[in-house]
Amino acid sequence: MPRAGQRRRRTSSHRAEELASGRRRAAAAKGVLAACGASAFVVAMVFARHSYAGHPKEPVSALAASPRFVRIVRRNLLQAGVVAPAEAPPGAATAVS
């Protein structure tokens, strides 16, 4: 049994086994990381295609008020005098010199 602070000497075959095991774990971790990255990319791509406003999923409908609402608003504004025919600008005046 080795004393405190001393290491047991490892054989070269044992060291080679540890290195091979570490390489296998590293390769597995790289594979898992690549799979997670690829799946995150695919999910983001699907989400972007689904929610992108430039590609409507339904036919476009006009954004207009109902004719009844427009008629009522016009009538109310005309009664209040808010909407009136446009007035002509004042005529050109020349100054007396």
N, C-alpha and C. Protein backbone atom coordinates (compact mmCIF):
# COMPACT_ATOMS: atom_id res chain seq x y z
N MET A 1 0.85 -1.17 0.00
CA MET A 1 0.00 0.00 0.00
C MET A 1 0.90 1.23 0.00
N PRO A 2 0.60 2.20 -0.87
CA PRO A 2 1.46 3.39 -0.93
C PRO A 2 1.21 4.31 0.26
N ARG A 3 2.22 5.03 0.63
CA ARG A 3 2.09 5.98 1.72
C ARG A 3 1.37 7.23 1.23
N ALA A 4 0.99 8.07 2.20
CA ALA A 4 0.31 9.31 1.85
C ALA A 4 1.24 10.18 1.02
N GLY A 5 0.72 10.77 -0.04
CA GLY A 5 1.53 11.64 -0.88
C GLY A 5 2.27 10.89 -1.97
N GLN A 6 2.23 9.58 -1.94
CA GLN A 6 2.89 8.80 -2.98
C GLN A 6 1.83 8.17 -3.87
N ARG A 7 2.16 8.06 -5.12
CA ARG A 7 1.24 7.42 -6.06
C ARG A 7 1.75 6.04 -6.40
N ARG A 8 0.77 5.20 -6.70
CA ARG A 8 1.18 3.89 -7.20
C ARG A 8 1.61 4.04 -8.64
N ARG A 9 2.59 3.35 -8.99
CA ARG A 9 3.03 3.39 -10.38
C ARG A 9 2.07 2.57 -11.22
N ARG A 10 1.63 3.19 -12.27
CA ARG A 10 0.69 2.49 -13.14
C ARG A 10 1.46 1.94 -14.33
N THR A 11 0.98 0.85 -14.78
CA THR A 11 1.64 0.24 -15.94
C THR A 11 1.18 0.97 -17.19
N SER A 12 1.93 0.83 -18.23
CA SER A 12 1.60 1.52 -19.48
C SER A 12 0.32 0.97 -20.09
N SER A 13 0.01 -0.31 -19.88
CA SER A 13 -1.23 -0.87 -20.44
C SER A 13 -2.44 -0.30 -19.70
N HIS A 14 -2.30 -0.12 -18.38
CA HIS A 14 -3.40 0.47 -17.62
C HIS A 14 -3.63 1.91 -18.07
N ARG A 15 -2.56 2.65 -18.28
CA ARG A 15 -2.66 4.04 -18.76
C ARG A 15 -3.30 4.08 -20.15
N ALA A 16 -2.95 3.16 -21.01
CA ALA A 16 -3.52 3.11 -22.36
C ALA A 16 -5.02 2.83 -22.29
N GLU A 17 -5.43 1.95 -21.36
CA GLU A 17 -6.86 1.66 -21.20
C GLU A 17 -7.61 2.91 -20.73
N GLU A 18 -7.03 3.65 -19.79
CA GLU A 18 -7.66 4.88 -19.32
C GLU A 18 -7.79 5.91 -20.44
N LEU A 19 -6.75 6.05 -21.24
CA LEU A 19 -6.80 7.00 -22.35
C LEU A 19 -7.86 6.59 -23.37
N ALA A 20 -7.94 5.31 -23.67
CA ALA A 20 -8.94 4.83 -24.63
C ALA A 20 -10.35 5.07 -24.08
N SER A 21 -10.52 4.81 -22.79
CA SER A 21 -11.83 5.05 -22.16
C SER A 21 -12.19 6.54 -22.20
N GLY A 22 -11.22 7.39 -21.93
CA GLY A 22 -11.46 8.83 -21.99
C GLY A 22 -11.80 9.29 -23.40
N ARG A 23 -11.12 8.73 -24.38
CA ARG A 23 -11.43 9.09 -25.77
C ARG A 23 -12.84 8.66 -26.15
N ARG A 24 -13.24 7.48 -25.68
CA ARG A 24 -14.62 7.01 -25.97
C ARG A 24 -15.64 7.94 -25.33
N ARG A 25 -15.39 8.34 -24.08
CA ARG A 25 -16.31 9.26 -23.41
C ARG A 25 -16.36 10.61 -24.13
N ALA A 26 -15.21 11.10 -24.56
CA ALA A 26 -15.16 12.38 -25.28
C ALA A 26 -15.91 12.28 -26.61
N ALA A 27 -15.74 11.17 -27.32
CA ALA A 27 -16.45 11.00 -28.59
C ALA A 27 -17.95 10.92 -28.35
N ALA A 28 -18.37 10.22 -27.29
CA ALA A 28 -19.80 10.14 -26.98
C ALA A 28 -20.35 11.51 -26.61
N ALA A 29 -19.59 12.28 -25.84
CA ALA A 29 -20.03 13.62 -25.46
C ALA A 29 -20.15 14.52 -26.69
N LYS A 30 -19.20 14.41 -27.62
CA LYS A 30 -19.28 15.20 -28.85
C LYS A 30 -20.52 14.83 -29.65
N GLY A 31 -20.81 13.54 -29.72
CA GLY A 31 -22.00 13.10 -30.45
C GLY A 31 -23.28 13.62 -29.83
N VAL A 32 -23.36 13.55 -28.50
CA VAL A 32 -24.55 14.06 -27.80
C VAL A 32 -24.68 15.56 -28.01
N LEU A 33 -23.58 16.28 -27.91
CA LEU A 33 -23.60 17.73 -28.11
C LEU A 33 -24.02 18.08 -29.54
N ALA A 34 -23.51 17.36 -30.52
CA ALA A 34 -23.89 17.61 -31.92
C ALA A 34 -25.36 17.31 -32.14
N ALA A 35 -25.87 16.22 -31.56
CA ALA A 35 -27.28 15.87 -31.71
C ALA A 35 -28.17 16.93 -31.06
N CYS A 36 -27.79 17.41 -29.88
CA CYS A 36 -28.57 18.46 -29.22
C CYS A 36 -28.57 19.75 -30.04
N GLY A 37 -27.43 20.11 -30.57
CA GLY A 37 -27.34 21.32 -31.40
C GLY A 37 -28.18 21.20 -32.66
N ALA A 38 -28.12 20.05 -33.31
CA ALA A 38 -28.91 19.85 -34.53
C ALA A 38 -30.40 19.87 -34.24
N SER A 39 -30.81 19.24 -33.15
CA SER A 39 -32.24 19.23 -32.82
C SER A 39 -32.71 20.63 -32.43
N ALA A 40 -31.89 21.39 -31.72
CA ALA A 40 -32.27 22.77 -31.38
C ALA A 40 -32.40 23.62 -32.65
N PHE A 41 -31.52 23.41 -33.62
CA PHE A 41 -31.60 24.14 -34.88
C PHE A 41 -32.88 23.79 -35.62
N VAL A 42 -33.23 22.52 -35.67
CA VAL A 42 -34.45 22.10 -36.37
C VAL A 42 -35.68 22.68 -35.68
N VAL A 43 -35.72 22.64 -34.36
CA VAL A 43 -36.87 23.19 -33.63
C VAL A 43 -36.98 24.69 -33.88
N ALA A 44 -35.87 25.41 -33.87
CA ALA A 44 -35.90 26.85 -34.13
C ALA A 44 -36.35 27.14 -35.55
N MET A 45 -35.93 26.32 -36.50
CA MET A 45 -36.33 26.51 -37.89
C MET A 45 -37.83 26.30 -38.07
N VAL A 46 -38.36 25.25 -37.45
CA VAL A 46 -39.80 24.99 -37.54
C VAL A 46 -40.58 26.12 -36.88
N PHE A 47 -40.13 26.57 -35.72
CA PHE A 47 -40.80 27.66 -35.03
C PHE A 47 -40.77 28.94 -35.87
N ALA A 48 -39.64 29.23 -36.49
CA ALA A 48 -39.52 30.44 -37.31
C ALA A 48 -40.44 30.36 -38.52
N ARG A 49 -40.51 29.21 -39.16
CA ARG A 49 -41.38 29.07 -40.33
C ARG A 49 -42.85 29.21 -39.93
N HIS A 50 -43.18 28.71 -38.76
CA HIS A 50 -44.58 28.75 -38.32
C HIS A 50 -45.00 30.15 -37.91
N SER A 51 -44.11 30.91 -37.31
CA SER A 51 -44.51 32.20 -36.74
C SER A 51 -44.09 33.39 -37.59
N TYR A 52 -43.47 33.19 -38.73
CA TYR A 52 -43.00 34.30 -39.56
C TYR A 52 -44.19 35.03 -40.17
N ALA A 53 -44.28 36.33 -39.96
CA ALA A 53 -45.44 37.10 -40.39
C ALA A 53 -45.50 37.28 -41.90
N GLY A 54 -44.41 37.12 -42.60
CA GLY A 54 -44.40 37.31 -44.04
C GLY A 54 -45.09 36.21 -44.80
N HIS A 55 -45.37 35.13 -44.16
CA HIS A 55 -46.05 34.01 -44.81
C HIS A 55 -47.36 33.74 -44.08
N PRO A 56 -48.43 34.45 -44.46
CA PRO A 56 -49.70 34.27 -43.74
C PRO A 56 -50.26 32.87 -43.94
N LYS A 57 -50.85 32.35 -42.90
CA LYS A 57 -51.43 31.00 -42.96
C LYS A 57 -52.88 31.04 -43.42
N GLU A 58 -53.47 32.22 -43.40
CA GLU A 58 -54.87 32.38 -43.79
C GLU A 58 -54.96 33.45 -44.86
N PRO A 59 -56.06 33.46 -45.64
CA PRO A 59 -56.20 34.52 -46.64
C PRO A 59 -56.30 35.89 -45.97
N VAL A 60 -55.85 36.89 -46.68
CA VAL A 60 -55.83 38.25 -46.14
C VAL A 60 -57.24 38.82 -46.14
N SER A 61 -57.61 39.45 -45.05
CA SER A 61 -58.92 40.11 -44.98
C SER A 61 -58.70 41.61 -44.79
N ALA A 62 -59.61 42.39 -45.32
CA ALA A 62 -59.48 43.84 -45.24
C ALA A 62 -59.68 44.32 -43.81
N LEU A 63 -58.85 45.26 -43.40
CA LEU A 63 -58.99 45.84 -42.07
C LEU A 63 -59.79 47.13 -42.21
N ALA A 64 -61.09 47.01 -42.26
CA ALA A 64 -61.95 48.17 -42.43
C ALA A 64 -63.09 48.09 -41.42
N ALA A 65 -63.56 49.26 -41.05
CA ALA A 65 -64.70 49.32 -40.13
C ALA A 65 -65.96 48.94 -40.90
N SER A 66 -66.95 48.48 -40.17
CA SER A 66 -68.20 48.10 -40.82
C SER A 66 -68.87 49.35 -41.40
N PRO A 67 -69.61 49.20 -42.49
CA PRO A 67 -70.26 50.37 -43.10
C PRO A 67 -71.21 51.08 -42.14
N ARG A 68 -71.89 50.33 -41.29
CA ARG A 68 -72.81 50.94 -40.33
C ARG A 68 -72.05 51.84 -39.36
N PHE A 69 -70.91 51.38 -38.86
CA PHE A 69 -70.10 52.17 -37.94
C PHE A 69 -69.61 53.45 -38.62
N VAL A 70 -69.14 53.33 -39.86
CA VAL A 70 -68.64 54.50 -40.59
C VAL A 70 -69.76 55.51 -40.79
N ARG A 71 -70.95 55.04 -41.13
CA ARG A 71 -72.09 55.92 -41.35
C ARG A 71 -72.44 56.69 -40.07
N ILE A 72 -72.46 55.99 -38.93
CA ILE A 72 -72.79 56.63 -37.65
C ILE A 72 -71.74 57.67 -37.28
N VAL A 73 -70.47 57.34 -37.45
CA VAL A 73 -69.40 58.29 -37.11
C VAL A 73 -69.48 59.52 -37.99
N ARG A 74 -69.70 59.35 -39.27
CA ARG A 74 -69.81 60.50 -40.17
C ARG A 74 -70.99 61.40 -39.77
N ARG A 75 -72.11 60.76 -39.47
CA ARG A 75 -73.30 61.53 -39.08
C ARG A 75 -73.01 62.33 -37.81
N ASN A 76 -72.39 61.71 -36.82
CA ASN A 76 -72.09 62.39 -35.56
C ASN A 76 -71.10 63.53 -35.77
N LEU A 77 -70.09 63.32 -36.59
CA LEU A 77 -69.10 64.37 -36.83
C LEU A 77 -69.70 65.53 -37.62
N LEU A 78 -70.59 65.23 -38.56
CA LEU A 78 -71.24 66.30 -39.31
C LEU A 78 -72.15 67.11 -38.41
N GLN A 79 -72.85 66.43 -37.48
CA GLN A 79 -73.74 67.14 -36.55
C GLN A 79 -72.94 68.06 -35.64
N ALA A 80 -71.76 67.62 -35.24
CA ALA A 80 -70.94 68.42 -34.33
C ALA A 80 -70.18 69.51 -35.07
N GLY A 81 -70.18 69.46 -36.38
CA GLY A 81 -69.47 70.48 -37.15
C GLY A 81 -67.98 70.24 -37.25
N VAL A 82 -67.54 69.04 -36.89
CA VAL A 82 -66.11 68.74 -36.96
C VAL A 82 -65.69 68.54 -38.40
N VAL A 83 -66.53 67.84 -39.16
CA VAL A 83 -66.20 67.58 -40.55
C VAL A 83 -66.97 68.60 -41.39
N ALA A 84 -66.27 69.38 -42.14
CA ALA A 84 -66.90 70.39 -42.99
C ALA A 84 -66.14 70.43 -44.31
N PRO A 85 -66.75 71.00 -45.31
CA PRO A 85 -66.04 71.10 -46.59
C PRO A 85 -64.76 71.92 -46.43
N ALA A 86 -63.79 71.60 -47.21
CA ALA A 86 -62.51 72.31 -47.13
C ALA A 86 -62.68 73.75 -47.58
N GLU A 87 -62.01 74.63 -46.89
CA GLU A 87 -62.06 76.05 -47.25
C GLU A 87 -60.88 76.38 -48.14
N ALA A 88 -61.10 77.32 -49.03
CA ALA A 88 -60.01 77.75 -49.91
C ALA A 88 -59.02 78.60 -49.13
N PRO A 89 -57.77 78.53 -49.49
CA PRO A 89 -56.78 79.37 -48.79
C PRO A 89 -57.03 80.84 -49.12
N PRO A 90 -56.60 81.73 -48.25
CA PRO A 90 -56.82 83.16 -48.53
C PRO A 90 -56.11 83.57 -49.82
N GLY A 91 -56.71 84.48 -50.52
CA GLY A 91 -56.13 84.94 -51.79
C GLY A 91 -54.82 85.66 -51.56
N ALA A 92 -54.06 85.75 -52.59
CA ALA A 92 -52.77 86.44 -52.50
C ALA A 92 -53.01 87.94 -52.39
N ALA A 93 -52.34 88.56 -51.49
CA ALA A 93 -52.48 90.01 -51.30
C ALA A 93 -51.14 90.67 -51.54
N THR A 94 -51.19 91.79 -52.19
CA THR A 94 -49.95 92.52 -52.43
C THR A 94 -49.88 93.71 -51.51
N ALA A 95 -48.73 93.97 -51.06
CA ALA A 95 -48.55 95.12 -50.16
C ALA A 95 -48.37 96.38 -50.99
N VAL A 96 -48.88 97.45 -50.47
CA VAL A 96 -48.73 98.73 -51.15
C VAL A 96 -47.37 99.30 -50.76
N SER A 97 -46.62 99.68 -51.75
CA SER A 97 -45.31 100.22 -51.43
C SER A 97 -45.29 101.71 -51.48
